[in-house]
Amino acid sequence: MTDPAEPIAPITLPNLQYPEKEEVWLRESLHTWLDEEFLPELVNGKIAEKAAKIFVRQRMEGENDLGSLVIAIIAEMRAFDFSRSFYSEFAVANAVSDLILDSLGIDRCCGA
């Protein structure tokens, strides 16, 4: 069992090898997640596209820390109009993080 006072170790992603492939995967995975979590909405595709572009651009600029990537998505998605969506920039960034962790086989339950 981990000490609750211990900080969570950062998660560093492997270097980006195939940006186009990663962007397509993230866009499609996030779009599917958004559609399944509540109701399929037209805006979900736009949300997924924007978040995937932010994520991959940040990765191409050399950012590999998952926490920093999540913050970048939150910051840049603030300008997105979420008025026709159930989601917010925070929900989208958290979903991206969960999808990445799942793809790496990292258990995201209970701070593990």
PDB file of N, CA and C in Angstrom:
ATOM      1  N   MET A   1       0.841  -1.175   0.000  1.00  0.00           N
ATOM      2  CA  MET A   1       0.000   0.000   0.000  1.00  0.00           C
ATOM      3  C   MET A   1       0.889   1.242   0.000  1.00  0.00           C
ATOM      4  N   THR A   2       0.495   2.236  -0.771  1.00  0.00           N
ATOM      5  CA  THR A   2       1.290   3.452  -0.856  1.00  0.00           C
ATOM      6  C   THR A   2       0.911   4.412   0.258  1.00  0.00           C
ATOM      7  N   ASP A   3       1.879   5.206   0.663  1.00  0.00           N
ATOM      8  CA  ASP A   3       1.671   6.228   1.676  1.00  0.00           C
ATOM      9  C   ASP A   3       0.865   7.366   1.061  1.00  0.00           C
ATOM     10  N   PRO A   4      -0.278   7.742   1.650  1.00  0.00           N
ATOM     11  CA  PRO A   4      -1.099   8.807   1.055  1.00  0.00           C
ATOM     12  C   PRO A   4      -0.389  10.157   1.000  1.00  0.00           C
ATOM     13  N   ALA A   5       0.660  10.332   1.792  1.00  0.00           N
ATOM     14  CA  ALA A   5       1.404  11.594   1.782  1.00  0.00           C
ATOM     15  C   ALA A   5       2.422  11.645   0.641  1.00  0.00           C
ATOM     16  N   GLU A   6       2.680  10.503   0.029  1.00  0.00           N
ATOM     17  CA  GLU A   6       3.641  10.452  -1.075  1.00  0.00           C
ATOM     18  C   GLU A   6       3.006  11.004  -2.341  1.00  0.00           C
ATOM     19  N   PRO A   7       3.730  11.871  -3.049  1.00  0.00           N
ATOM     20  CA  PRO A   7       3.176  12.374  -4.320  1.00  0.00           C
ATOM     21  C   PRO A   7       3.106  11.256  -5.355  1.00  0.00           C
ATOM     22  N   ILE A   8       2.172  11.406  -6.264  1.00  0.00           N
ATOM     23  CA  ILE A   8       2.043  10.439  -7.352  1.00  0.00           C
ATOM     24  C   ILE A   8       3.178  10.690  -8.334  1.00  0.00           C
ATOM     25  N   ALA A   9       3.853   9.642  -8.698  1.00  0.00           N
ATOM     26  CA  ALA A   9       4.983   9.765  -9.634  1.00  0.00           C
ATOM     27  C   ALA A   9       4.479  10.234 -10.998  1.00  0.00           C
ATOM     28  N   PRO A  10       5.252  11.086 -11.655  1.00  0.00           N
ATOM     29  CA  PRO A  10       4.829  11.533 -12.990  1.00  0.00           C
ATOM     30  C   PRO A  10       4.832  10.368 -13.970  1.00  0.00           C
ATOM     31  N   ILE A  11       4.002  10.492 -14.977  1.00  0.00           N
ATOM     32  CA  ILE A  11       3.946   9.475 -16.024  1.00  0.00           C
ATOM     33  C   ILE A  11       4.527  10.103 -17.283  1.00  0.00           C
ATOM     34  N   THR A  12       5.643   9.543 -17.713  1.00  0.00           N
ATOM     35  CA  THR A  12       6.322  10.040 -18.906  1.00  0.00           C
ATOM     36  C   THR A  12       6.015   9.102 -20.057  1.00  0.00           C
ATOM     37  N   LEU A  13       5.452   9.659 -21.111  1.00  0.00           N
ATOM     38  CA  LEU A  13       5.099   8.859 -22.282  1.00  0.00           C
ATOM     39  C   LEU A  13       6.328   8.612 -23.134  1.00  0.00           C
ATOM     40  N   PRO A  14       6.338   7.502 -23.859  1.00  0.00           N
ATOM     41  CA  PRO A  14       7.440   7.269 -24.791  1.00  0.00           C
ATOM     42  C   PRO A  14       7.447   8.354 -25.868  1.00  0.00           C
ATOM     43  N   ASN A  15       8.600   8.597 -26.453  1.00  0.00           N
ATOM     44  CA  ASN A  15       8.692   9.598 -27.513  1.00  0.00           C
ATOM     45  C   ASN A  15       7.684   9.310 -28.612  1.00  0.00           C
ATOM     46  N   LEU A  16       7.197  10.373 -29.212  1.00  0.00           N
ATOM     47  CA  LEU A  16       6.208  10.275 -30.281  1.00  0.00           C
ATOM     48  C   LEU A  16       6.871   9.740 -31.545  1.00  0.00           C
ATOM     49  N   GLN A  17       6.363   8.636 -32.055  1.00  0.00           N
ATOM     50  CA  GLN A  17       6.929   8.015 -33.256  1.00  0.00           C
ATOM     51  C   GLN A  17       6.120   8.326 -34.506  1.00  0.00           C
ATOM     52  N   TYR A  18       4.808   8.251 -34.389  1.00  0.00           N
ATOM     53  CA  TYR A  18       3.915   8.398 -35.538  1.00  0.00           C
ATOM     54  C   TYR A  18       2.811   9.396 -35.190  1.00  0.00           C
ATOM     55  N   PRO A  19       3.080  10.705 -35.327  1.00  0.00           N
ATOM     56  CA  PRO A  19       2.094  11.707 -34.886  1.00  0.00           C
ATOM     57  C   PRO A  19       0.737  11.590 -35.556  1.00  0.00           C
ATOM     58  N   GLU A  20       0.706  11.337 -36.854  1.00  0.00           N
ATOM     59  CA  GLU A  20      -0.581  11.250 -37.547  1.00  0.00           C
ATOM     60  C   GLU A  20      -1.395  10.070 -37.028  1.00  0.00           C
ATOM     61  N   LYS A  21      -0.723   8.952 -36.832  1.00  0.00           N
ATOM     62  CA  LYS A  21      -1.395   7.752 -36.351  1.00  0.00           C
ATOM     63  C   LYS A  21      -1.921   7.962 -34.922  1.00  0.00           C
ATOM     64  N   GLU A  22      -1.107   8.604 -34.083  1.00  0.00           N
ATOM     65  CA  GLU A  22      -1.532   8.856 -32.700  1.00  0.00           C
ATOM     66  C   GLU A  22      -2.715   9.824 -32.662  1.00  0.00           C
ATOM     67  N   GLU A  23      -2.692  10.824 -33.538  1.00  0.00           N
ATOM     68  CA  GLU A  23      -3.797  11.785 -33.573  1.00  0.00           C
ATOM     69  C   GLU A  23      -5.100  11.108 -34.003  1.00  0.00           C
ATOM     70  N   VAL A  24      -5.033  10.269 -35.025  1.00  0.00           N
ATOM     71  CA  VAL A  24      -6.227   9.561 -35.490  1.00  0.00           C
ATOM     72  C   VAL A  24      -6.747   8.643 -34.389  1.00  0.00           C
ATOM     73  N   TRP A  25      -5.844   7.901 -33.749  1.00  0.00           N
ATOM     74  CA  TRP A  25      -6.257   6.987 -32.684  1.00  0.00           C
ATOM     75  C   TRP A  25      -6.935   7.754 -31.552  1.00  0.00           C
ATOM     76  N   LEU A  26      -6.314   8.847 -31.117  1.00  0.00           N
ATOM     77  CA  LEU A  26      -6.880   9.600 -29.998  1.00  0.00           C
ATOM     78  C   LEU A  26      -8.205  10.245 -30.388  1.00  0.00           C
ATOM     79  N   ARG A  27      -8.285  10.824 -31.566  1.00  0.00           N
ATOM     80  CA  ARG A  27      -9.531  11.455 -32.020  1.00  0.00           C
ATOM     81  C   ARG A  27     -10.667  10.431 -32.044  1.00  0.00           C
ATOM     82  N   GLU A  28     -10.413   9.263 -32.637  1.00  0.00           N
ATOM     83  CA  GLU A  28     -11.453   8.239 -32.740  1.00  0.00           C
ATOM     84  C   GLU A  28     -11.817   7.661 -31.374  1.00  0.00           C
ATOM     85  N   SER A  29     -10.818   7.410 -30.556  1.00  0.00           N
ATOM     86  CA  SER A  29     -11.071   6.845 -29.227  1.00  0.00           C
ATOM     87  C   SER A  29     -11.840   7.816 -28.344  1.00  0.00           C
ATOM     88  N   LEU A  30     -11.442   9.081 -28.377  1.00  0.00           N
ATOM     89  CA  LEU A  30     -12.124  10.088 -27.576  1.00  0.00           C
ATOM     90  C   LEU A  30     -13.546  10.315 -28.081  1.00  0.00           C
ATOM     91  N   HIS A  31     -13.720  10.347 -29.388  1.00  0.00           N
ATOM     92  CA  HIS A  31     -15.060  10.523 -29.958  1.00  0.00           C
ATOM     93  C   HIS A  31     -15.966   9.383 -29.504  1.00  0.00           C
ATOM     94  N   THR A  32     -15.472   8.167 -29.570  1.00  0.00           N
ATOM     95  CA  THR A  32     -16.248   7.008 -29.118  1.00  0.00           C
ATOM     96  C   THR A  32     -16.594   7.147 -27.642  1.00  0.00           C
ATOM     97  N   TRP A  33     -15.618   7.528 -26.825  1.00  0.00           N
ATOM     98  CA  TRP A  33     -15.844   7.680 -25.386  1.00  0.00           C
ATOM     99  C   TRP A  33     -16.910   8.740 -25.133  1.00  0.00           C
ATOM    100  N   LEU A  34     -16.785   9.891 -25.787  1.00  0.00           N
ATOM    101  CA  LEU A  34     -17.757  10.976 -25.606  1.00  0.00           C
ATOM    102  C   LEU A  34     -19.170  10.520 -25.986  1.00  0.00           C
ATOM    103  N   ASP A  35     -19.284   9.811 -27.105  1.00  0.00           N
ATOM    104  CA  ASP A  35     -20.598   9.331 -27.556  1.00  0.00           C
ATOM    105  C   ASP A  35     -21.193   8.294 -26.612  1.00  0.00           C
ATOM    106  N   GLU A  36     -20.350   7.459 -26.020  1.00  0.00           N
ATOM    107  CA  GLU A  36     -20.855   6.386 -25.161  1.00  0.00           C
ATOM    108  C   GLU A  36     -21.120   6.841 -23.733  1.00  0.00           C
ATOM    109  N   GLU A  37     -20.400   7.873 -23.293  1.00  0.00           N
ATOM    110  CA  GLU A  37     -20.541   8.316 -21.906  1.00  0.00           C
ATOM    111  C   GLU A  37     -21.914   8.951 -21.655  1.00  0.00           C
ATOM    112  N   PHE A  38     -22.397   9.775 -22.576  1.00  0.00           N
ATOM    113  CA  PHE A  38     -23.739  10.353 -22.470  1.00  0.00           C
ATOM    114  C   PHE A  38     -24.502  10.013 -23.746  1.00  0.00           C
ATOM    115  N   LEU A  39     -24.751  11.018 -24.560  1.00  0.00           N
ATOM    116  CA  LEU A  39     -25.467  10.810 -25.814  1.00  0.00           C
ATOM    117  C   LEU A  39     -24.564  11.195 -26.978  1.00  0.00           C
ATOM    118  N   PRO A  40     -24.686  10.474 -28.085  1.00  0.00           N
ATOM    119  CA  PRO A  40     -23.931  10.908 -29.270  1.00  0.00           C
ATOM    120  C   PRO A  40     -24.427  12.289 -29.704  1.00  0.00           C
ATOM    121  N   GLU A  41     -23.482  13.209 -29.829  1.00  0.00           N
ATOM    122  CA  GLU A  41     -23.812  14.565 -30.263  1.00  0.00           C
ATOM    123  C   GLU A  41     -22.858  14.962 -31.377  1.00  0.00           C
ATOM    124  N   LEU A  42     -23.320  15.774 -32.293  1.00  0.00           N
ATOM    125  CA  LEU A  42     -22.482  16.239 -33.388  1.00  0.00           C
ATOM    126  C   LEU A  42     -21.229  16.938 -32.887  1.00  0.00           C
ATOM    127  N   VAL A  43     -21.360  17.696 -31.812  1.00  0.00           N
ATOM    128  CA  VAL A  43     -20.234  18.456 -31.274  1.00  0.00           C
ATOM    129  C   VAL A  43     -19.119  17.545 -30.743  1.00  0.00           C
ATOM    130  N   ASN A  44     -19.440  16.308 -30.406  1.00  0.00           N
ATOM    131  CA  ASN A  44     -18.421  15.397 -29.881  1.00  0.00           C
ATOM    132  C   ASN A  44     -17.265  15.192 -30.852  1.00  0.00           C
ATOM    133  N   GLY A  45     -17.558  15.136 -32.124  1.00  0.00           N
ATOM    134  CA  GLY A  45     -16.503  14.989 -33.121  1.00  0.00           C
ATOM    135  C   GLY A  45     -15.577  16.188 -33.143  1.00  0.00           C
ATOM    136  N   LYS A  46     -16.140  17.366 -32.981  1.00  0.00           N
ATOM    137  CA  LYS A  46     -15.332  18.588 -32.966  1.00  0.00           C
ATOM    138  C   LYS A  46     -14.478  18.652 -31.703  1.00  0.00           C
ATOM    139  N   ILE A  47     -15.047  18.246 -30.586  1.00  0.00           N
ATOM    140  CA  ILE A  47     -14.300  18.214 -29.326  1.00  0.00           C
ATOM    141  C   ILE A  47     -13.122  17.248 -29.455  1.00  0.00           C
ATOM    142  N   ALA A  48     -13.395  16.058 -29.954  1.00  0.00           N
ATOM    143  CA  ALA A  48     -12.350  15.044 -30.085  1.00  0.00           C
ATOM    144  C   ALA A  48     -11.250  15.500 -31.035  1.00  0.00           C
ATOM    145  N   GLU A  49     -11.638  16.132 -32.125  1.00  0.00           N
ATOM    146  CA  GLU A  49     -10.650  16.620 -33.094  1.00  0.00           C
ATOM    147  C   GLU A  49      -9.748  17.679 -32.467  1.00  0.00           C
ATOM    148  N   LYS A  50     -10.341  18.626 -31.772  1.00  0.00           N
ATOM    149  CA  LYS A  50      -9.574  19.708 -31.144  1.00  0.00           C
ATOM    150  C   LYS A  50      -8.627  19.158 -30.077  1.00  0.00           C
ATOM    151  N   ALA A  51      -9.123  18.298 -29.211  1.00  0.00           N
ATOM    152  CA  ALA A  51      -8.293  17.742 -28.140  1.00  0.00           C
ATOM    153  C   ALA A  51      -7.138  16.913 -28.705  1.00  0.00           C
ATOM    154  N   ALA A  52      -7.407  16.124 -29.729  1.00  0.00           N
ATOM    155  CA  ALA A  52      -6.356  15.299 -30.332  1.00  0.00           C
ATOM    156  C   ALA A  52      -5.283  16.174 -30.975  1.00  0.00           C
ATOM    157  N   LYS A  53      -5.682  17.254 -31.619  1.00  0.00           N
ATOM    158  CA  LYS A  53      -4.713  18.174 -32.235  1.00  0.00           C
ATOM    159  C   LYS A  53      -3.842  18.837 -31.171  1.00  0.00           C
ATOM    160  N   ILE A  54      -4.439  19.270 -30.084  1.00  0.00           N
ATOM    161  CA  ILE A  54      -3.675  19.877 -28.994  1.00  0.00           C
ATOM    162  C   ILE A  54      -2.668  18.875 -28.444  1.00  0.00           C
ATOM    163  N   PHE A  55      -3.147  17.672 -28.163  1.00  0.00           N
ATOM    164  CA  PHE A  55      -2.303  16.632 -27.587  1.00  0.00           C
ATOM    165  C   PHE A  55      -1.102  16.340 -28.485  1.00  0.00           C
ATOM    166  N   VAL A  56      -1.349  16.111 -29.751  1.00  0.00           N
ATOM    167  CA  VAL A  56      -0.267  15.751 -30.668  1.00  0.00           C
ATOM    168  C   VAL A  56       0.673  16.933 -30.904  1.00  0.00           C
ATOM    169  N   ARG A  57       0.145  18.131 -30.999  1.00  0.00           N
ATOM    170  CA  ARG A  57       1.020  19.298 -31.174  1.00  0.00           C
ATOM    171  C   ARG A  57       1.949  19.446 -29.978  1.00  0.00           C
ATOM    172  N   GLN A  58       1.414  19.287 -28.783  1.00  0.00           N
ATOM    173  CA  GLN A  58       2.237  19.362 -27.580  1.00  0.00           C
ATOM    174  C   GLN A  58       3.314  18.275 -27.582  1.00  0.00           C
ATOM    175  N   ARG A  59       2.923  17.083 -28.013  1.00  0.00           N
ATOM    176  CA  ARG A  59       3.886  15.970 -28.080  1.00  0.00           C
ATOM    177  C   ARG A  59       4.974  16.257 -29.106  1.00  0.00           C
ATOM    178  N   MET A  60       4.604  16.839 -30.238  1.00  0.00           N
ATOM    179  CA  MET A  60       5.584  17.160 -31.272  1.00  0.00           C
ATOM    180  C   MET A  60       6.537  18.265 -30.799  1.00  0.00           C
ATOM    181  N   GLU A  61       6.072  19.088 -29.875  1.00  0.00           N
ATOM    182  CA  GLU A  61       6.926  20.122 -29.293  1.00  0.00           C
ATOM    183  C   GLU A  61       7.811  19.568 -28.181  1.00  0.00           C
ATOM    184  N   GLY A  62       7.701  18.264 -27.921  1.00  0.00           N
ATOM    185  CA  GLY A  62       8.592  17.613 -26.971  1.00  0.00           C
ATOM    186  C   GLY A  62       8.016  17.331 -25.601  1.00  0.00           C
ATOM    187  N   GLU A  63       6.746  17.610 -25.395  1.00  0.00           N
ATOM    188  CA  GLU A  63       6.131  17.354 -24.087  1.00  0.00           C
ATOM    189  C   GLU A  63       5.735  15.886 -23.990  1.00  0.00           C
ATOM    190  N   ASN A  64       6.285  15.191 -22.991  1.00  0.00           N
ATOM    191  CA  ASN A  64       5.978  13.777 -22.800  1.00  0.00           C
ATOM    192  C   ASN A  64       5.386  13.483 -21.427  1.00  0.00           C
ATOM    193  N   ASP A  65       5.271  14.494 -20.581  1.00  0.00           N
ATOM    194  CA  ASP A  65       4.704  14.311 -19.258  1.00  0.00           C
ATOM    195  C   ASP A  65       3.181  14.357 -19.353  1.00  0.00           C
ATOM    196  N   LEU A  66       2.519  13.282 -18.942  1.00  0.00           N
ATOM    197  CA  LEU A  66       1.063  13.190 -19.096  1.00  0.00           C
ATOM    198  C   LEU A  66       0.344  14.287 -18.322  1.00  0.00           C
ATOM    199  N   GLY A  67       0.811  14.605 -17.129  1.00  0.00           N
ATOM    200  CA  GLY A  67       0.182  15.670 -16.348  1.00  0.00           C
ATOM    201  C   GLY A  67       0.245  17.013 -17.060  1.00  0.00           C
ATOM    202  N   SER A  68       1.383  17.322 -17.651  1.00  0.00           N
ATOM    203  CA  SER A  68       1.535  18.576 -18.397  1.00  0.00           C
ATOM    204  C   SER A  68       0.659  18.584 -19.638  1.00  0.00           C
ATOM    205  N   LEU A  69       0.505  17.438 -20.268  1.00  0.00           N
ATOM    206  CA  LEU A  69      -0.361  17.339 -21.441  1.00  0.00           C
ATOM    207  C   LEU A  69      -1.825  17.577 -21.066  1.00  0.00           C
ATOM    208  N   VAL A  70      -2.233  17.056 -19.932  1.00  0.00           N
ATOM    209  CA  VAL A  70      -3.598  17.262 -19.453  1.00  0.00           C
ATOM    210  C   VAL A  70      -3.836  18.751 -19.185  1.00  0.00           C
ATOM    211  N   ILE A  71      -2.890  19.408 -18.539  1.00  0.00           N
ATOM    212  CA  ILE A  71      -3.009  20.844 -18.259  1.00  0.00           C
ATOM    213  C   ILE A  71      -3.088  21.639 -19.565  1.00  0.00           C
ATOM    214  N   ALA A  72      -2.285  21.262 -20.558  1.00  0.00           N
ATOM    215  CA  ALA A  72      -2.309  21.956 -21.852  1.00  0.00           C
ATOM    216  C   ALA A  72      -3.669  21.814 -22.517  1.00  0.00           C
ATOM    217  N   ILE A  73      -4.262  20.623 -22.442  1.00  0.00           N
ATOM    218  CA  ILE A  73      -5.588  20.413 -23.033  1.00  0.00           C
ATOM    219  C   ILE A  73      -6.619  21.282 -22.312  1.00  0.00           C
ATOM    220  N   ILE A  74      -6.570  21.306 -20.987  1.00  0.00           N
ATOM    221  CA  ILE A  74      -7.508  22.141 -20.225  1.00  0.00           C
ATOM    222  C   ILE A  74      -7.358  23.601 -20.639  1.00  0.00           C
ATOM    223  N   ALA A  75      -6.120  24.081 -20.664  1.00  0.00           N
ATOM    224  CA  ALA A  75      -5.874  25.495 -20.966  1.00  0.00           C
ATOM    225  C   ALA A  75      -6.356  25.867 -22.368  1.00  0.00           C
ATOM    226  N   GLU A  76      -6.042  25.029 -23.348  1.00  0.00           N
ATOM    227  CA  GLU A  76      -6.401  25.369 -24.726  1.00  0.00           C
ATOM    228  C   GLU A  76      -7.870  25.102 -25.048  1.00  0.00           C
ATOM    229  N   MET A  77      -8.466  24.142 -24.373  1.00  0.00           N
ATOM    230  CA  MET A  77      -9.885  23.848 -24.627  1.00  0.00           C
ATOM    231  C   MET A  77     -10.805  24.864 -23.946  1.00  0.00           C
ATOM    232  N   ARG A  78     -10.266  25.722 -23.094  1.00  0.00           N
ATOM    233  CA  ARG A  78     -11.098  26.755 -22.464  1.00  0.00           C
ATOM    234  C   ARG A  78     -11.741  27.661 -23.506  1.00  0.00           C
ATOM    235  N   ALA A  79     -11.073  27.823 -24.644  1.00  0.00           N
ATOM    236  CA  ALA A  79     -11.602  28.683 -25.703  1.00  0.00           C
ATOM    237  C   ALA A  79     -12.685  27.985 -26.528  1.00  0.00           C
ATOM    238  N   PHE A  80     -12.850  26.685 -26.337  1.00  0.00           N
ATOM    239  CA  PHE A  80     -13.844  25.926 -27.092  1.00  0.00           C
ATOM    240  C   PHE A  80     -15.240  26.215 -26.534  1.00  0.00           C
ATOM    241  N   ASP A  81     -16.232  26.308 -27.408  1.00  0.00           N
ATOM    242  CA  ASP A  81     -17.612  26.548 -26.993  1.00  0.00           C
ATOM    243  C   ASP A  81     -18.272  25.222 -26.611  1.00  0.00           C
ATOM    244  N   PHE A  82     -18.378  24.976 -25.320  1.00  0.00           N
ATOM    245  CA  PHE A  82     -18.989  23.740 -24.818  1.00  0.00           C
ATOM    246  C   PHE A  82     -20.492  23.897 -24.563  1.00  0.00           C
ATOM    247  N   SER A  83     -21.094  24.987 -25.025  1.00  0.00           N
ATOM    248  CA  SER A  83     -22.500  25.246 -24.719  1.00  0.00           C
ATOM    249  C   SER A  83     -23.454  24.201 -25.306  1.00  0.00           C
ATOM    250  N   ARG A  84     -23.030  23.476 -26.326  1.00  0.00           N
ATOM    251  CA  ARG A  84     -23.882  22.438 -26.930  1.00  0.00           C
ATOM    252  C   ARG A  84     -23.425  21.034 -26.537  1.00  0.00           C
ATOM    253  N   SER A  85     -22.776  20.952 -25.396  1.00  0.00           N
ATOM    254  CA  SER A  85     -22.195  19.685 -24.965  1.00  0.00           C
ATOM    255  C   SER A  85     -22.465  19.450 -23.482  1.00  0.00           C
ATOM    256  N   PHE A  86     -22.437  18.185 -23.092  1.00  0.00           N
ATOM    257  CA  PHE A  86     -22.508  17.822 -21.678  1.00  0.00           C
ATOM    258  C   PHE A  86     -21.145  17.977 -21.013  1.00  0.00           C
ATOM    259  N   TYR A  87     -20.109  18.146 -21.786  1.00  0.00           N
ATOM    260  CA  TYR A  87     -18.735  18.095 -21.297  1.00  0.00           C
ATOM    261  C   TYR A  87     -18.139  19.469 -21.058  1.00  0.00           C
ATOM    262  N   SER A  88     -16.960  19.463 -20.428  1.00  0.00           N
ATOM    263  CA  SER A  88     -16.158  20.659 -20.205  1.00  0.00           C
ATOM    264  C   SER A  88     -14.719  20.306 -20.553  1.00  0.00           C
ATOM    265  N   GLU A  89     -13.859  21.310 -20.524  1.00  0.00           N
ATOM    266  CA  GLU A  89     -12.449  21.060 -20.818  1.00  0.00           C
ATOM    267  C   GLU A  89     -11.837  20.089 -19.812  1.00  0.00           C
ATOM    268  N   PHE A  90     -12.318  20.099 -18.575  1.00  0.00           N
ATOM    269  CA  PHE A  90     -11.782  19.201 -17.556  1.00  0.00           C
ATOM    270  C   PHE A  90     -12.165  17.746 -17.833  1.00  0.00           C
ATOM    271  N   ALA A  91     -13.415  17.521 -18.187  1.00  0.00           N
ATOM    272  CA  ALA A  91     -13.867  16.160 -18.505  1.00  0.00           C
ATOM    273  C   ALA A  91     -13.123  15.612 -19.711  1.00  0.00           C
ATOM    274  N   VAL A  92     -12.908  16.459 -20.712  1.00  0.00           N
ATOM    275  CA  VAL A  92     -12.212  16.028 -21.924  1.00  0.00           C
ATOM    276  C   VAL A  92     -10.759  15.682 -21.606  1.00  0.00           C
ATOM    277  N   ALA A  93     -10.082  16.539 -20.864  1.00  0.00           N
ATOM    278  CA  ALA A  93      -8.679  16.290 -20.522  1.00  0.00           C
ATOM    279  C   ALA A  93      -8.539  15.018 -19.675  1.00  0.00           C
ATOM    280  N   ASN A  94      -9.455  14.818 -18.730  1.00  0.00           N
ATOM    281  CA  ASN A  94      -9.417  13.599 -17.921  1.00  0.00           C
ATOM    282  C   ASN A  94      -9.673  12.358 -18.765  1.00  0.00           C
ATOM    283  N   ALA A  95     -10.589  12.464 -19.721  1.00  0.00           N
ATOM    284  CA  ALA A  95     -10.859  11.324 -20.604  1.00  0.00           C
ATOM    285  C   ALA A  95      -9.631  10.999 -21.445  1.00  0.00           C
ATOM    286  N   VAL A  96      -8.954  12.028 -21.960  1.00  0.00           N
ATOM    287  CA  VAL A  96      -7.726  11.795 -22.732  1.00  0.00           C
ATOM    288  C   VAL A  96      -6.713  11.062 -21.863  1.00  0.00           C
ATOM    289  N   SER A  97      -6.531  11.528 -20.640  1.00  0.00           N
ATOM    290  CA  SER A  97      -5.589  10.886 -19.721  1.00  0.00           C
ATOM    291  C   SER A  97      -5.954   9.416 -19.499  1.00  0.00           C
ATOM    292  N   ASP A  98      -7.228   9.150 -19.251  1.00  0.00           N
ATOM    293  CA  ASP A  98      -7.668   7.770 -19.032  1.00  0.00           C
ATOM    294  C   ASP A  98      -7.425   6.905 -20.266  1.00  0.00           C
ATOM    295  N   LEU A  99      -7.716   7.428 -21.440  1.00  0.00           N
ATOM    296  CA  LEU A  99      -7.498   6.666 -22.676  1.00  0.00           C
ATOM    297  C   LEU A  99      -6.014   6.350 -22.871  1.00  0.00           C
ATOM    298  N   ILE A 100      -5.153   7.321 -22.593  1.00  0.00           N
ATOM    299  CA  ILE A 100      -3.711   7.106 -22.731  1.00  0.00           C
ATOM    300  C   ILE A 100      -3.244   6.065 -21.725  1.00  0.00           C
ATOM    301  N   LEU A 101      -3.655   6.201 -20.470  1.00  0.00           N
ATOM    302  CA  LEU A 101      -3.262   5.236 -19.451  1.00  0.00           C
ATOM    303  C   LEU A 101      -3.736   3.831 -19.808  1.00  0.00           C
ATOM    304  N   ASP A 102      -4.983   3.716 -20.263  1.00  0.00           N
ATOM    305  CA  ASP A 102      -5.507   2.412 -20.677  1.00  0.00           C
ATOM    306  C   ASP A 102      -4.672   1.830 -21.819  1.00  0.00           C
ATOM    307  N   SER A 103      -4.303   2.675 -22.777  1.00  0.00           N
ATOM    308  CA  SER A 103      -3.534   2.182 -23.934  1.00  0.00           C
ATOM    309  C   SER A 103      -2.148   1.704 -23.530  1.00  0.00           C
ATOM    310  N   LEU A 104      -1.621   2.244 -22.428  1.00  0.00           N
ATOM    311  CA  LEU A 104      -0.304   1.841 -21.932  1.00  0.00           C
ATOM    312  C   LEU A 104      -0.391   0.706 -20.920  1.00  0.00           C
ATOM    313  N   GLY A 105      -1.613   0.295 -20.585  1.00  0.00           N
ATOM    314  CA  GLY A 105      -1.792  -0.784 -19.623  1.00  0.00           C
ATOM    315  C   GLY A 105      -1.523  -0.353 -18.186  1.00  0.00           C
ATOM    316  N   ILE A 106      -1.665   0.931 -17.912  1.00  0.00           N
ATOM    317  CA  ILE A 106      -1.437   1.451 -16.566  1.00  0.00           C
ATOM    318  C   ILE A 106      -2.760   1.509 -15.820  1.00  0.00           C
ATOM    319  N   ASP A 107      -2.803   0.864 -14.665  1.00  0.00           N
ATOM    320  CA  ASP A 107      -4.017   0.854 -13.849  1.00  0.00           C
ATOM    321  C   ASP A 107      -4.246   2.242 -13.283  1.00  0.00           C
ATOM    322  N   ARG A 108      -5.393   2.810 -13.539  1.00  0.00           N
ATOM    323  CA  ARG A 108      -5.675   4.168 -13.078  1.00  0.00           C
ATOM    324  C   ARG A 108      -6.555   4.185 -11.845  1.00  0.00           C
ATOM    325  N   CYS A 109      -6.841   3.028 -11.306  1.00  0.00           N
ATOM    326  CA  CYS A 109      -7.684   2.936 -10.112  1.00  0.00           C
ATOM    327  C   CYS A 109      -6.878   3.233  -8.844  1.00  0.00           C
ATOM    328  N   CYS A 110      -7.453   4.027  -8.009  1.00  0.00           N
ATOM    329  CA  CYS A 110      -6.953   4.235  -6.656  1.00  0.00           C
ATOM    330  C   CYS A 110      -5.533   4.766  -6.591  1.00  0.00           C
ATOM    331  N   GLY A 111      -5.116   5.526  -7.566  1.00  0.00           N
ATOM    332  CA  GLY A 111      -3.784   6.115  -7.551  1.00  0.00           C
ATOM    333  C   GLY A 111      -2.674   5.134  -7.841  1.00  0.00           C
ATOM    334  N   ALA A 112      -3.023   3.946  -8.305  1.00  0.00           N
ATOM    335  CA  ALA A 112      -1.995   2.929  -8.572  1.00  0.00           C
ATOM    336  C   ALA A 112      -1.262   3.236  -9.862  1.00  0.00           C
TER     337      ALA A 112
END
